[in-house]
Amino acid sequence: MEVNTMRSLICVILVFGLSLSRAVSVNVIDSCDRELGGGSLPKRPGDNGYRVRVVHQPDYYTSGEEYQVLLQSTPPLSFKQFVLVAVDDDGEPFGELSILDSRQSRMSPGCPHGVTHADSVSSKTSVTFQWEAPAGTGQGSCVNFKASVMQRKVWFMDEGNLSLRLCEGETDTEAPAEECCACSVAEYDFSFYGQWTQATHPRDYPSGSGNHWSDIIGATHSREYTMWEEGGFATEGVKRLAEWGSPVSLEREMRLQGSSIRSVFKHRGLWPAVGNMSNMLMEVDRQRHMVSALTMVGPSPDWLVGISNADLCTADCGWVESAEYDMLPWDAGTDSGISYMSRNAPTRPREKIRRLTPSFPDNEDNPFYDPELEEVIPLGKIVVTRLSVTEAPCDAVYEDTETDEHGEEQPSVSGPMMKKPGMEVTEMPPKVMATGRYVVDCLMSEWSDWGECTKTWGICHTIFYCSVSIPIILVLLFQCYCYIGIHIVLLLLFCCYCSPHSYQSVCSGLYNVLVE
């Protein structure tokens, strides 16, 4: 009896010990203390512009590979304290986190599988860590990067962009797209209809702050060219259009694509954002049957609306008669601002192009923020209408677009690229940078020929004739309304004290010295 009692007691102790051991092990994970402020400071909802991201923003991770993970703020915000962990869907440590800069971060003493701030005094805008994916986990395994961040006397945790989920995967092998079989050329009307008003989008609508649509620019092209796409990175041309409303660089990028482009079309922007941009003409053919277009939402950090790789060729070897596309806002990934009037905050490195939604950015300063909505109300629509169809040889060969020695486009054998005639210069108010400097938010025409200009300095009246034969640096120095460099100042002061007889010879000699 005593033996059985002893055995029962031992079993109870073992079971209790195992249960306690399991509870302790689970508690080690669950008790990873990521609360900041010692429990005395309030936690706020959302991410407040803070975000976790993986460099190059991969769509999945590969077993055994190493990745750089960043915790960043949106300027001018910064943070002093943080805790970041990498866990699986059950909350257990997943992979291995390590620090890269011991001056900014260290392994967390209160969270063995996490990283935290090295000190709570210095302000930080970005901290980078190394994460090694575990080997042999198999597809379906996912890592969750979760962070808590303190901003002065409030802190944020896990919500919005403070959490990032990445699953293991392999490169998808996409099936080849079907080729267009239409043996003809179709002409289309391309029109943009704005629907972005204070009535439709009342939250922080910039009615008195220069609301506008920038010049719209688009092209018909082959599958080999992509102007922009969701999940891709903005080119320099897309960046300049998104941030400053200038399509010049983007048009240059298009025209360098040679025979991949059939038509390039543009339309003058709208100041204010009232009315439509319509009656743009474009053509498509068997090889170049995709259409893409963009315009900037202004003012904004880097927001755009447009279409990407819309296919106008039908499966029955014909052309789409008409099509409508809702214009939802996109973040170009080049500026971290979260409101219409955000200060310039360049995103480095650039992020992928991503759709703005009622929950992204997850911040009340986001003008599209609305927890009750799943999608932003469209800001406009694009309507493409077929005008005519002209038969063409099915075996037509489209050659590359030729350029002259100055890089100017010349008609190719198969015909020049078509562009709707219109305004080449758009007068737009300047965009004010955070420093107070003005940056031109408009297109400029070609420089005209230099002519005579005058500049009065004290009792001296100097006349220079600027010609294109003068080196460019001197052109910049001598043109009207430019900043007078130190050499010009000295030259004018010298001339002021010259006698009328020596004025011409001496000043001419000095001028020749500067030119040579």
Protein backbone atom coordinates (compact mmCIF):
# COMPACT_ATOMS: atom_id res chain seq x y z
CA MET A 1 0.00 0.00 0.00
CA GLU A 2 2.78 2.32 0.93
CA VAL A 3 4.63 1.41 -2.26
CA ASN A 4 1.59 2.20 -4.37
CA THR A 5 1.11 5.45 -2.52
CA MET A 6 4.74 6.34 -3.10
CA ARG A 7 4.43 5.51 -6.81
CA SER A 8 1.30 7.64 -7.11
CA LEU A 9 3.04 10.49 -5.35
CA ILE A 10 6.03 10.21 -7.68
CA CYS A 11 3.74 10.18 -10.72
CA VAL A 12 1.93 13.25 -9.45
CA ILE A 13 5.24 15.00 -8.89
CA LEU A 14 6.47 14.05 -12.38
CA VAL A 15 3.27 15.18 -14.04
CA PHE A 16 3.35 18.41 -12.07
CA GLY A 17 7.00 18.88 -12.97
CA LEU A 18 6.36 18.34 -16.65
CA SER A 19 3.40 20.70 -16.57
CA LEU A 20 5.43 23.29 -14.72
CA SER A 21 8.31 22.86 -17.14
CA ARG A 22 6.00 23.34 -20.10
CA ALA A 23 4.34 26.32 -18.46
CA VAL A 24 7.71 27.87 -17.75
CA SER A 25 8.91 27.29 -21.33
CA VAL A 26 5.73 28.78 -22.74
CA ASN A 27 5.93 31.60 -20.24
CA VAL A 28 9.48 32.38 -21.34
CA ILE A 29 8.09 33.03 -24.80
CA ASP A 30 4.85 34.68 -23.83
CA SER A 31 6.50 36.78 -21.12
CA CYS A 32 8.96 38.33 -23.56
CA ASP A 33 8.47 41.84 -22.27
CA ARG A 34 8.08 44.18 -25.22
CA GLU A 35 6.12 46.82 -23.39
CA LEU A 36 7.95 50.14 -23.19
CA GLY A 37 7.79 52.85 -20.60
CA GLY A 38 7.69 50.53 -17.60
CA GLY A 39 3.92 50.22 -17.78
CA SER A 40 3.40 53.86 -16.80
CA LEU A 41 3.19 55.37 -20.29
CA PRO A 42 0.18 54.98 -22.60
CA LYS A 43 0.19 52.74 -25.67
CA ARG A 44 -1.35 54.36 -28.74
CA PRO A 45 -3.09 52.55 -31.62
CA GLY A 46 -1.60 52.32 -35.12
CA ASP A 47 2.03 52.55 -36.17
CA ASN A 48 2.40 56.38 -36.30
CA GLY A 49 4.59 56.08 -39.40
CA TYR A 50 7.01 53.56 -37.90
CA ARG A 51 7.58 50.42 -39.93
CA VAL A 52 9.43 47.13 -40.15
CA ARG A 53 10.73 46.14 -43.55
CA VAL A 54 13.11 43.70 -45.18
CA VAL A 55 15.68 45.13 -47.60
CA HIS A 56 14.60 44.63 -51.23
CA GLN A 57 11.13 43.71 -49.93
CA PRO A 58 11.15 40.05 -51.05
CA ASP A 59 7.80 38.34 -51.53
CA TYR A 60 9.03 35.30 -49.60
CA TYR A 61 12.14 34.04 -47.83
CA THR A 62 14.44 31.16 -48.74
CA SER A 63 15.45 28.58 -46.14
CA GLY A 64 18.93 29.19 -44.73
CA GLU A 65 19.37 32.61 -46.37
CA GLU A 66 20.27 35.82 -44.52
CA TYR A 67 18.24 39.02 -44.73
CA GLN A 68 18.60 42.56 -43.46
CA VAL A 69 15.63 43.79 -41.43
CA LEU A 70 15.06 47.50 -40.84
CA LEU A 71 13.07 49.35 -38.20
CA GLN A 72 12.44 52.86 -39.50
CA SER A 73 10.55 56.04 -38.71
CA THR A 74 8.95 58.57 -41.02
CA PRO A 75 10.93 61.84 -40.86
CA PRO A 76 10.88 64.09 -38.96
CA LEU A 77 9.88 61.50 -36.34
CA SER A 78 12.50 59.47 -34.50
CA PHE A 79 12.53 56.93 -31.68
CA LYS A 80 14.74 56.15 -28.70
CA GLN A 81 13.51 52.79 -27.40
CA PHE A 82 12.41 49.68 -29.26
CA VAL A 83 12.12 45.91 -29.09
CA LEU A 84 11.91 43.69 -32.18
CA VAL A 85 11.36 39.94 -32.37
CA ALA A 86 11.09 37.30 -35.10
CA VAL A 87 8.50 34.64 -34.22
CA ASP A 88 6.37 32.04 -35.96
CA ASP A 89 2.57 31.99 -36.01
CA ASP A 90 2.53 30.38 -32.55
CA GLY A 91 4.69 33.13 -31.06
CA GLU A 92 7.81 30.98 -30.75
CA PRO A 93 11.25 32.25 -31.86
CA PHE A 94 11.83 31.68 -35.56
CA GLY A 95 15.18 32.00 -37.23
CA GLU A 96 18.04 33.91 -35.67
CA LEU A 97 18.16 37.68 -35.14
CA SER A 98 21.54 39.36 -34.68
CA ILE A 99 22.71 42.95 -34.34
CA LEU A 100 24.83 44.80 -36.92
CA ASP A 101 25.65 47.98 -35.01
CA SER A 102 26.36 47.63 -31.29
CA ARG A 103 26.16 51.41 -30.89
CA GLN A 104 22.44 51.33 -31.66
CA SER A 105 21.21 47.90 -30.62
CA ARG A 106 21.89 44.83 -28.47
CA MET A 107 20.23 41.52 -27.71
CA SER A 108 17.31 42.08 -25.37
CA PRO A 109 17.90 40.90 -21.76
CA GLY A 110 14.15 40.77 -21.13
CA CYS A 111 13.41 38.99 -24.38
CA PRO A 112 16.12 36.42 -25.20
CA HIS A 113 15.14 36.03 -28.85
CA GLY A 114 14.69 39.77 -29.50
CA VAL A 115 16.82 42.86 -30.11
CA THR A 116 16.49 46.19 -28.36
CA HIS A 117 18.07 49.66 -28.07
CA ALA A 118 21.64 49.96 -26.82
CA ASP A 119 20.69 53.12 -24.94
CA SER A 120 17.47 55.01 -24.34
CA VAL A 121 18.96 58.48 -24.88
CA SER A 122 20.05 58.77 -28.51
CA SER A 123 17.42 59.37 -31.18
CA LYS A 124 17.20 56.96 -34.09
CA THR A 125 15.47 57.04 -37.45
CA SER A 126 16.61 53.65 -38.73
CA VAL A 127 18.15 50.53 -37.18
CA THR A 128 19.26 47.49 -39.19
CA PHE A 129 19.46 43.87 -38.03
CA GLN A 130 20.45 40.56 -39.57
CA TRP A 131 17.98 37.69 -39.71
CA GLU A 132 18.91 34.16 -40.76
CA ALA A 133 16.01 32.03 -41.94
CA PRO A 134 15.88 28.55 -40.38
CA ALA A 135 16.80 25.61 -42.58
CA GLY A 136 14.49 22.74 -43.47
CA THR A 137 11.21 24.25 -42.32
CA GLY A 138 9.40 23.65 -45.61
CA GLN A 139 6.86 25.73 -47.47
CA GLY A 140 4.03 27.07 -45.39
CA SER A 141 6.34 28.22 -42.60
CA CYS A 142 6.17 31.95 -41.89
CA VAL A 143 8.09 34.47 -39.83
CA ASN A 144 6.45 37.44 -38.14
CA PHE A 145 8.62 40.44 -37.38
CA LYS A 146 6.97 42.40 -34.57
CA ALA A 147 8.21 45.65 -33.07
CA SER A 148 7.34 48.06 -30.28
CA VAL A 149 8.62 51.64 -30.52
CA MET A 150 8.60 54.54 -28.10
CA GLN A 151 8.11 58.12 -29.25
CA ARG A 152 8.73 60.44 -26.33
CA LYS A 153 6.02 59.60 -23.78
CA VAL A 154 3.84 57.30 -25.88
CA TRP A 155 4.58 53.98 -27.53
CA PHE A 156 3.24 51.77 -30.31
CA MET A 157 3.37 48.00 -30.78
CA ASP A 158 2.64 45.42 -33.50
CA GLU A 159 -0.09 47.34 -35.31
CA GLY A 160 0.02 48.39 -38.95
CA ASN A 161 3.52 48.42 -40.38
CA LEU A 162 5.07 47.48 -37.05
CA SER A 163 4.33 43.87 -38.02
CA LEU A 164 5.61 42.13 -41.13
CA ARG A 165 4.83 38.56 -42.17
CA LEU A 166 7.03 36.69 -44.63
CA CYS A 167 6.56 33.06 -45.66
CA GLU A 168 8.92 30.54 -47.19
CA GLY A 169 8.47 30.02 -50.90
CA GLU A 170 10.06 29.31 -54.23
CA THR A 171 10.27 31.32 -57.38
CA ASP A 172 7.02 31.09 -59.26
CA THR A 173 7.27 29.99 -62.87
CA GLU A 174 4.72 32.05 -64.72
CA ALA A 175 3.05 30.62 -67.78
CA PRO A 176 4.01 32.55 -70.92
CA ALA A 177 1.42 35.16 -71.85
CA GLU A 178 -0.59 34.53 -74.97
CA GLU A 179 0.53 36.55 -77.96
CA CYS A 180 -1.81 39.03 -79.59
CA CYS A 181 -3.15 37.65 -82.89
CA ALA A 182 -4.78 40.83 -84.25
CA CYS A 183 -3.52 41.65 -87.75
CA SER A 184 -4.48 45.32 -87.63
CA VAL A 185 -3.77 48.69 -86.06
CA ALA A 186 -6.38 50.25 -83.76
CA GLU A 187 -6.68 53.91 -82.82
CA TYR A 188 -8.10 54.85 -79.42
CA ASP A 189 -9.26 57.89 -77.52
CA PHE A 190 -7.78 58.03 -74.02
CA SER A 191 -9.56 60.22 -71.45
CA PHE A 192 -9.13 60.86 -67.75
CA TYR A 193 -12.11 61.97 -65.65
CA GLY A 194 -11.31 63.35 -62.19
CA GLN A 195 -13.56 62.50 -59.25
CA TRP A 196 -11.35 63.77 -56.43
CA THR A 197 -13.25 66.55 -54.66
CA GLN A 198 -13.93 67.77 -51.17
CA ALA A 199 -17.36 66.17 -51.40
CA THR A 200 -16.05 62.71 -52.32
CA HIS A 201 -12.86 62.77 -50.20
CA PRO A 202 -13.48 65.29 -47.40
CA ARG A 203 -10.78 64.08 -44.99
CA ASP A 204 -7.99 66.72 -45.01
CA TYR A 205 -8.84 67.64 -48.61
CA PRO A 206 -6.29 70.28 -49.72
CA SER A 207 -8.86 72.71 -51.13
CA GLY A 208 -6.78 75.77 -50.30
CA SER A 209 -3.36 74.19 -50.83
CA GLY A 210 -3.09 73.84 -54.57
CA ASN A 211 -5.03 70.64 -55.21
CA HIS A 212 -4.20 69.53 -58.72
CA TRP A 213 -3.53 66.76 -61.18
CA SER A 214 -0.12 66.91 -62.79
CA ASP A 215 0.36 66.41 -66.51
CA ILE A 216 -0.77 62.91 -67.40
CA ILE A 217 1.56 60.82 -69.55
CA GLY A 218 1.12 57.39 -71.04
CA ALA A 219 2.21 55.04 -73.78
CA THR A 220 1.16 51.99 -75.74
CA HIS A 221 3.89 49.40 -75.62
CA SER A 222 4.89 45.76 -75.86
CA ARG A 223 5.01 43.26 -72.99
CA GLU A 224 8.78 43.75 -72.83
CA TYR A 225 8.36 47.24 -71.33
CA THR A 226 6.82 48.08 -67.98
CA MET A 227 6.34 51.72 -67.07
CA TRP A 228 5.26 50.87 -63.53
CA GLU A 229 3.56 48.03 -61.69
CA GLU A 230 2.37 47.03 -58.24
CA GLY A 231 5.22 45.45 -56.31
CA GLY A 232 7.84 46.98 -58.60
CA PHE A 233 10.24 49.81 -57.81
CA ALA A 234 9.74 53.28 -59.24
CA THR A 235 12.17 54.35 -61.94
CA GLU A 236 13.71 57.80 -61.71
CA GLY A 237 11.11 59.03 -64.20
CA VAL A 238 8.22 57.68 -62.14
CA LYS A 239 9.79 59.15 -58.99
CA ARG A 240 9.97 62.64 -60.49
CA LEU A 241 6.40 62.45 -61.70
CA ALA A 242 5.18 61.17 -58.33
CA GLU A 243 7.04 63.76 -56.25
CA TRP A 244 7.21 66.84 -58.47
CA GLY A 245 4.63 66.25 -61.19
CA SER A 246 7.18 66.41 -64.01
CA PRO A 247 6.82 63.81 -66.80
CA VAL A 248 9.99 64.86 -68.65
CA SER A 249 12.27 62.09 -67.36
CA LEU A 250 9.56 59.46 -67.71
CA GLU A 251 8.96 60.44 -71.33
CA ARG A 252 12.70 60.20 -71.96
CA GLU A 253 12.71 56.69 -70.47
CA MET A 254 9.88 55.69 -72.78
CA ARG A 255 11.56 56.98 -75.90
CA LEU A 256 14.71 55.03 -75.11
CA GLN A 257 12.71 51.81 -75.47
CA GLY A 258 12.83 51.93 -79.27
CA SER A 259 10.32 49.71 -81.02
CA SER A 260 8.79 48.60 -77.71
CA ILE A 261 6.79 51.86 -77.76
CA ARG A 262 4.07 52.60 -80.32
CA SER A 263 2.50 55.84 -79.00
CA VAL A 264 3.38 58.36 -76.34
CA PHE A 265 0.60 60.70 -75.27
CA LYS A 266 0.35 63.56 -72.78
CA HIS A 267 -2.13 66.14 -71.57
CA ARG A 268 -1.77 69.32 -69.63
CA GLY A 269 -2.50 68.97 -65.91
CA LEU A 270 -5.41 70.50 -64.04
CA TRP A 271 -4.99 73.37 -61.54
CA PRO A 272 -7.13 73.08 -59.48
CA ALA A 273 -8.12 69.41 -59.75
CA VAL A 274 -11.38 70.19 -61.54
CA GLY A 275 -12.35 68.92 -64.97
CA ASN A 276 -11.04 66.24 -67.26
CA MET A 277 -7.99 65.43 -69.37
CA SER A 278 -9.51 64.01 -72.53
CA ASN A 279 -9.12 63.45 -76.28
CA MET A 280 -5.64 61.97 -76.19
CA LEU A 281 -4.98 59.72 -79.19
CA MET A 282 -3.00 56.49 -79.16
CA GLU A 283 -2.48 53.49 -81.43
CA VAL A 284 -1.90 49.80 -80.76
CA ASP A 285 -0.75 46.94 -82.96
CA ARG A 286 -0.07 43.22 -82.72
CA GLN A 287 3.22 43.66 -80.86
CA ARG A 288 2.46 46.82 -78.89
CA HIS A 289 -1.02 46.33 -77.49
CA MET A 290 -0.49 47.26 -73.81
CA VAL A 291 -1.25 50.72 -72.38
CA SER A 292 0.08 52.36 -69.22
CA ALA A 293 -0.38 55.88 -67.88
CA LEU A 294 0.23 57.95 -64.73
CA THR A 295 -0.60 61.31 -63.19
CA MET A 296 0.37 62.74 -59.81
CA VAL A 297 -2.11 63.48 -57.03
CA GLY A 298 -1.08 66.91 -55.87
CA PRO A 299 -0.11 67.98 -53.36
CA SER A 300 1.21 64.70 -52.00
CA PRO A 301 4.48 63.03 -50.96
CA ASP A 302 4.64 60.60 -53.92
CA TRP A 303 1.11 59.54 -54.76
CA LEU A 304 -0.11 58.58 -58.21
CA VAL A 305 -3.12 57.24 -60.06
CA GLY A 306 -3.01 55.42 -63.36
CA ILE A 307 -3.13 52.11 -65.19
CA SER A 308 -0.41 49.55 -65.75
CA ASN A 309 -0.10 47.04 -68.59
CA ALA A 310 -3.76 47.13 -69.62
CA ASP A 311 -4.15 44.75 -72.59
CA LEU A 312 -6.38 45.99 -75.42
CA CYS A 313 -6.01 42.87 -77.61
CA THR A 314 -8.81 40.28 -77.38
CA ALA A 315 -8.61 36.50 -77.60
CA ASP A 316 -10.57 36.50 -80.87
CA CYS A 317 -7.85 38.51 -82.64
CA GLY A 318 -9.67 41.80 -82.26
CA TRP A 319 -9.50 44.95 -80.18
CA VAL A 320 -11.34 46.01 -77.05
CA GLU A 321 -14.18 48.34 -78.03
CA SER A 322 -14.09 50.36 -74.80
CA ALA A 323 -12.86 49.95 -71.23
CA GLU A 324 -13.10 51.84 -67.94
CA TYR A 325 -10.57 51.74 -65.12
CA ASP A 326 -11.14 53.10 -61.60
CA MET A 327 -8.34 55.35 -60.40
CA LEU A 328 -7.18 54.25 -56.95
CA PRO A 329 -4.21 56.00 -55.30
CA TRP A 330 -0.75 54.43 -55.28
CA ASP A 331 2.32 55.13 -53.17
CA ALA A 332 5.44 55.26 -55.35
CA GLY A 333 7.69 54.18 -52.47
CA THR A 334 10.11 57.11 -52.82
CA ASP A 335 8.86 59.41 -50.03
CA SER A 336 7.70 58.38 -46.57
CA GLY A 337 5.15 61.15 -46.08
CA ILE A 338 1.68 60.05 -44.94
CA SER A 339 -0.46 63.14 -45.64
CA TYR A 340 -1.09 65.55 -48.49
CA MET A 341 1.13 68.21 -46.95
CA SER A 342 3.83 66.02 -45.38
CA ARG A 343 7.34 67.39 -45.35
CA ASN A 344 9.77 65.84 -47.80
CA ALA A 345 10.99 62.57 -46.32
CA PRO A 346 12.95 60.54 -48.92
CA THR A 347 12.55 56.78 -48.51
CA ARG A 348 15.97 55.11 -48.57
CA PRO A 349 16.15 52.52 -49.89
CA ARG A 350 13.09 52.86 -52.07
CA GLU A 351 10.09 50.72 -51.28
CA LYS A 352 7.88 48.85 -53.70
CA ILE A 353 4.96 50.60 -55.32
CA ARG A 354 1.94 49.90 -53.17
CA ARG A 355 -1.73 50.82 -53.15
CA LEU A 356 -2.94 53.33 -50.58
CA THR A 357 -5.84 51.92 -48.58
CA PRO A 358 -8.00 52.93 -45.62
CA SER A 359 -5.51 51.03 -43.42
CA PHE A 360 -2.26 51.90 -45.21
CA PRO A 361 -0.60 53.99 -43.96
CA ASP A 362 -2.12 52.90 -40.66
CA ASN A 363 -2.20 56.42 -39.31
CA GLU A 364 -4.97 58.94 -38.78
CA ASP A 365 -2.98 61.50 -40.77
CA ASN A 366 -3.54 59.30 -43.81
CA PRO A 367 -6.30 61.20 -45.70
CA PHE A 368 -7.78 57.88 -46.85
CA TYR A 369 -7.78 56.38 -43.35
CA ASP A 370 -11.11 54.79 -42.43
CA PRO A 371 -11.32 51.60 -40.33
CA GLU A 372 -14.82 50.96 -41.66
CA LEU A 373 -13.81 50.84 -45.32
CA GLU A 374 -11.89 48.15 -47.20
CA GLU A 375 -11.09 50.21 -50.31
CA VAL A 376 -10.53 53.87 -51.08
CA ILE A 377 -13.25 55.61 -53.04
CA PRO A 378 -11.85 56.04 -56.60
CA LEU A 379 -10.27 59.42 -57.31
CA GLY A 380 -11.24 59.26 -60.97
CA LYS A 381 -11.53 56.97 -63.92
CA ILE A 382 -9.81 56.37 -67.24
CA VAL A 383 -11.94 55.58 -70.28
CA VAL A 384 -10.39 54.07 -73.41
CA THR A 385 -12.60 54.12 -76.52
CA ARG A 386 -11.79 52.54 -79.88
CA LEU A 387 -12.05 54.98 -82.78
CA SER A 388 -10.95 52.97 -85.81
CA VAL A 389 -9.27 49.79 -86.99
CA THR A 390 -6.89 49.64 -89.96
CA GLU A 391 -5.78 46.34 -91.46
CA ALA A 392 -2.05 45.63 -91.42
CA PRO A 393 0.16 42.72 -92.55
CA CYS A 394 0.31 39.97 -89.93
CA ASP A 395 4.01 39.50 -90.60
CA ALA A 396 4.89 43.17 -90.16
CA VAL A 397 8.30 43.70 -88.55
CA TYR A 398 8.71 46.66 -86.19
CA GLU A 399 12.23 48.01 -86.13
CA ASP A 400 13.94 49.87 -83.33
CA THR A 401 13.40 53.60 -83.15
CA GLU A 402 16.42 55.38 -84.55
CA THR A 403 18.13 58.31 -82.87
CA ASP A 404 20.46 60.97 -84.21
CA GLU A 405 23.79 61.96 -82.72
CA HIS A 406 22.09 64.19 -80.17
CA GLY A 407 19.78 61.44 -78.99
CA GLU A 408 16.78 62.96 -80.77
CA GLU A 409 14.24 60.54 -82.07
CA GLN A 410 14.03 59.93 -85.82
CA PRO A 411 11.23 58.15 -87.68
CA SER A 412 11.85 54.44 -88.10
CA VAL A 413 11.02 52.39 -91.17
CA SER A 414 7.74 51.30 -89.61
CA GLY A 415 6.73 54.89 -88.84
CA PRO A 416 7.32 57.40 -86.07
CA MET A 417 5.89 57.25 -82.58
CA MET A 418 2.69 59.26 -82.37
CA LYS A 419 2.07 61.88 -79.72
CA LYS A 420 -1.05 63.94 -79.23
CA PRO A 421 -0.16 67.63 -79.90
CA GLY A 422 -0.68 69.80 -76.87
CA MET A 423 0.93 72.05 -74.35
CA GLU A 424 4.65 71.38 -73.94
CA VAL A 425 4.93 73.73 -70.97
CA THR A 426 2.79 73.56 -67.86
CA GLU A 427 2.83 76.47 -65.45
CA MET A 428 2.49 75.11 -61.94
CA PRO A 429 3.03 76.69 -58.52
CA PRO A 430 6.32 75.73 -56.88
CA LYS A 431 6.44 72.92 -54.35
CA VAL A 432 7.92 74.07 -51.04
CA MET A 433 10.56 71.85 -49.51
CA ALA A 434 11.05 71.35 -45.78
CA THR A 435 14.01 73.76 -45.86
CA GLY A 436 11.86 76.54 -47.28
CA ARG A 437 13.62 76.43 -50.67
CA TYR A 438 11.50 76.34 -53.79
CA VAL A 439 11.73 73.51 -56.27
CA VAL A 440 10.23 73.95 -59.71
CA ASP A 441 7.04 71.92 -60.09
CA CYS A 442 6.59 72.59 -63.77
CA LEU A 443 7.88 71.69 -67.22
CA MET A 444 10.23 74.03 -69.05
CA SER A 445 10.54 74.63 -72.75
CA GLU A 446 13.86 74.55 -74.66
CA TRP A 447 16.33 77.37 -74.06
CA SER A 448 15.99 80.23 -76.55
CA ASP A 449 18.99 81.87 -78.26
CA TRP A 450 21.07 84.15 -76.09
CA GLY A 451 20.65 87.85 -76.76
CA GLU A 452 22.01 91.13 -75.41
CA CYS A 453 21.51 91.79 -71.74
CA THR A 454 22.54 94.58 -69.41
CA LYS A 455 23.58 94.82 -65.80
CA THR A 456 24.10 98.12 -64.02
CA TRP A 457 26.71 98.21 -61.25
CA GLY A 458 27.18 101.58 -59.54
CA ILE A 459 28.31 104.17 -62.10
CA CYS A 460 29.46 101.50 -64.48
CA HIS A 461 27.21 100.09 -67.22
CA THR A 462 28.54 96.86 -68.64
CA ILE A 463 27.15 95.07 -71.69
CA PHE A 464 27.94 91.49 -72.55
CA TYR A 465 26.76 89.56 -75.56
CA CYS A 466 26.15 85.90 -74.62
CA SER A 467 26.43 83.41 -77.45
CA VAL A 468 26.27 79.66 -77.59
CA SER A 469 29.94 79.52 -78.55
CA ILE A 470 30.98 80.57 -75.02
CA PRO A 471 31.63 77.64 -72.66
CA ILE A 472 28.56 76.77 -70.65
CA ILE A 473 30.06 77.88 -67.33
CA LEU A 474 30.55 81.38 -68.68
CA VAL A 475 27.07 81.40 -70.14
CA LEU A 476 25.72 80.73 -66.67
CA LEU A 477 27.88 83.48 -65.21
CA PHE A 478 27.08 86.15 -67.79
CA GLN A 479 23.36 85.56 -68.46
CA CYS A 480 20.82 88.02 -67.09
CA TYR A 481 19.30 87.47 -63.67
CA CYS A 482 21.88 84.88 -62.68
CA TYR A 483 24.07 85.01 -59.61
CA ILE A 484 27.09 87.21 -60.30
CA GLY A 485 30.18 85.19 -59.48
CA ILE A 486 33.25 86.59 -57.78
CA HIS A 487 35.12 87.02 -61.08
CA ILE A 488 32.33 89.13 -62.53
CA VAL A 489 32.12 91.24 -59.38
CA LEU A 490 35.83 91.93 -59.51
CA LEU A 491 35.61 92.68 -63.23
CA LEU A 492 32.78 95.19 -62.79
CA LEU A 493 34.48 96.90 -59.83
CA PHE A 494 37.63 97.25 -61.88
CA CYS A 495 35.73 98.69 -64.81
CA CYS A 496 34.01 101.25 -62.57
CA TYR A 497 37.34 102.87 -61.85
CA CYS A 498 38.60 102.77 -65.40
CA SER A 499 38.74 105.84 -67.56
CA PRO A 500 36.46 105.86 -70.60
CA HIS A 501 39.52 105.38 -72.81
CA SER A 502 40.93 102.38 -70.99
CA TYR A 503 37.54 100.88 -70.11
CA GLN A 504 37.10 99.07 -73.38
CA SER A 505 40.62 97.71 -73.77
CA VAL A 506 41.20 96.68 -70.17
CA CYS A 507 37.79 95.10 -69.66
CA SER A 508 38.01 93.36 -72.98
CA GLY A 509 41.39 91.95 -72.00
CA LEU A 510 40.09 90.69 -68.68
CA TYR A 511 37.06 89.21 -70.36
CA ASN A 512 39.29 87.34 -72.84
CA VAL A 513 41.38 86.00 -69.96
CA LEU A 514 38.26 84.64 -68.27
CA VAL A 515 37.03 83.06 -71.48
CA GLU A 516 40.35 81.41 -72.20
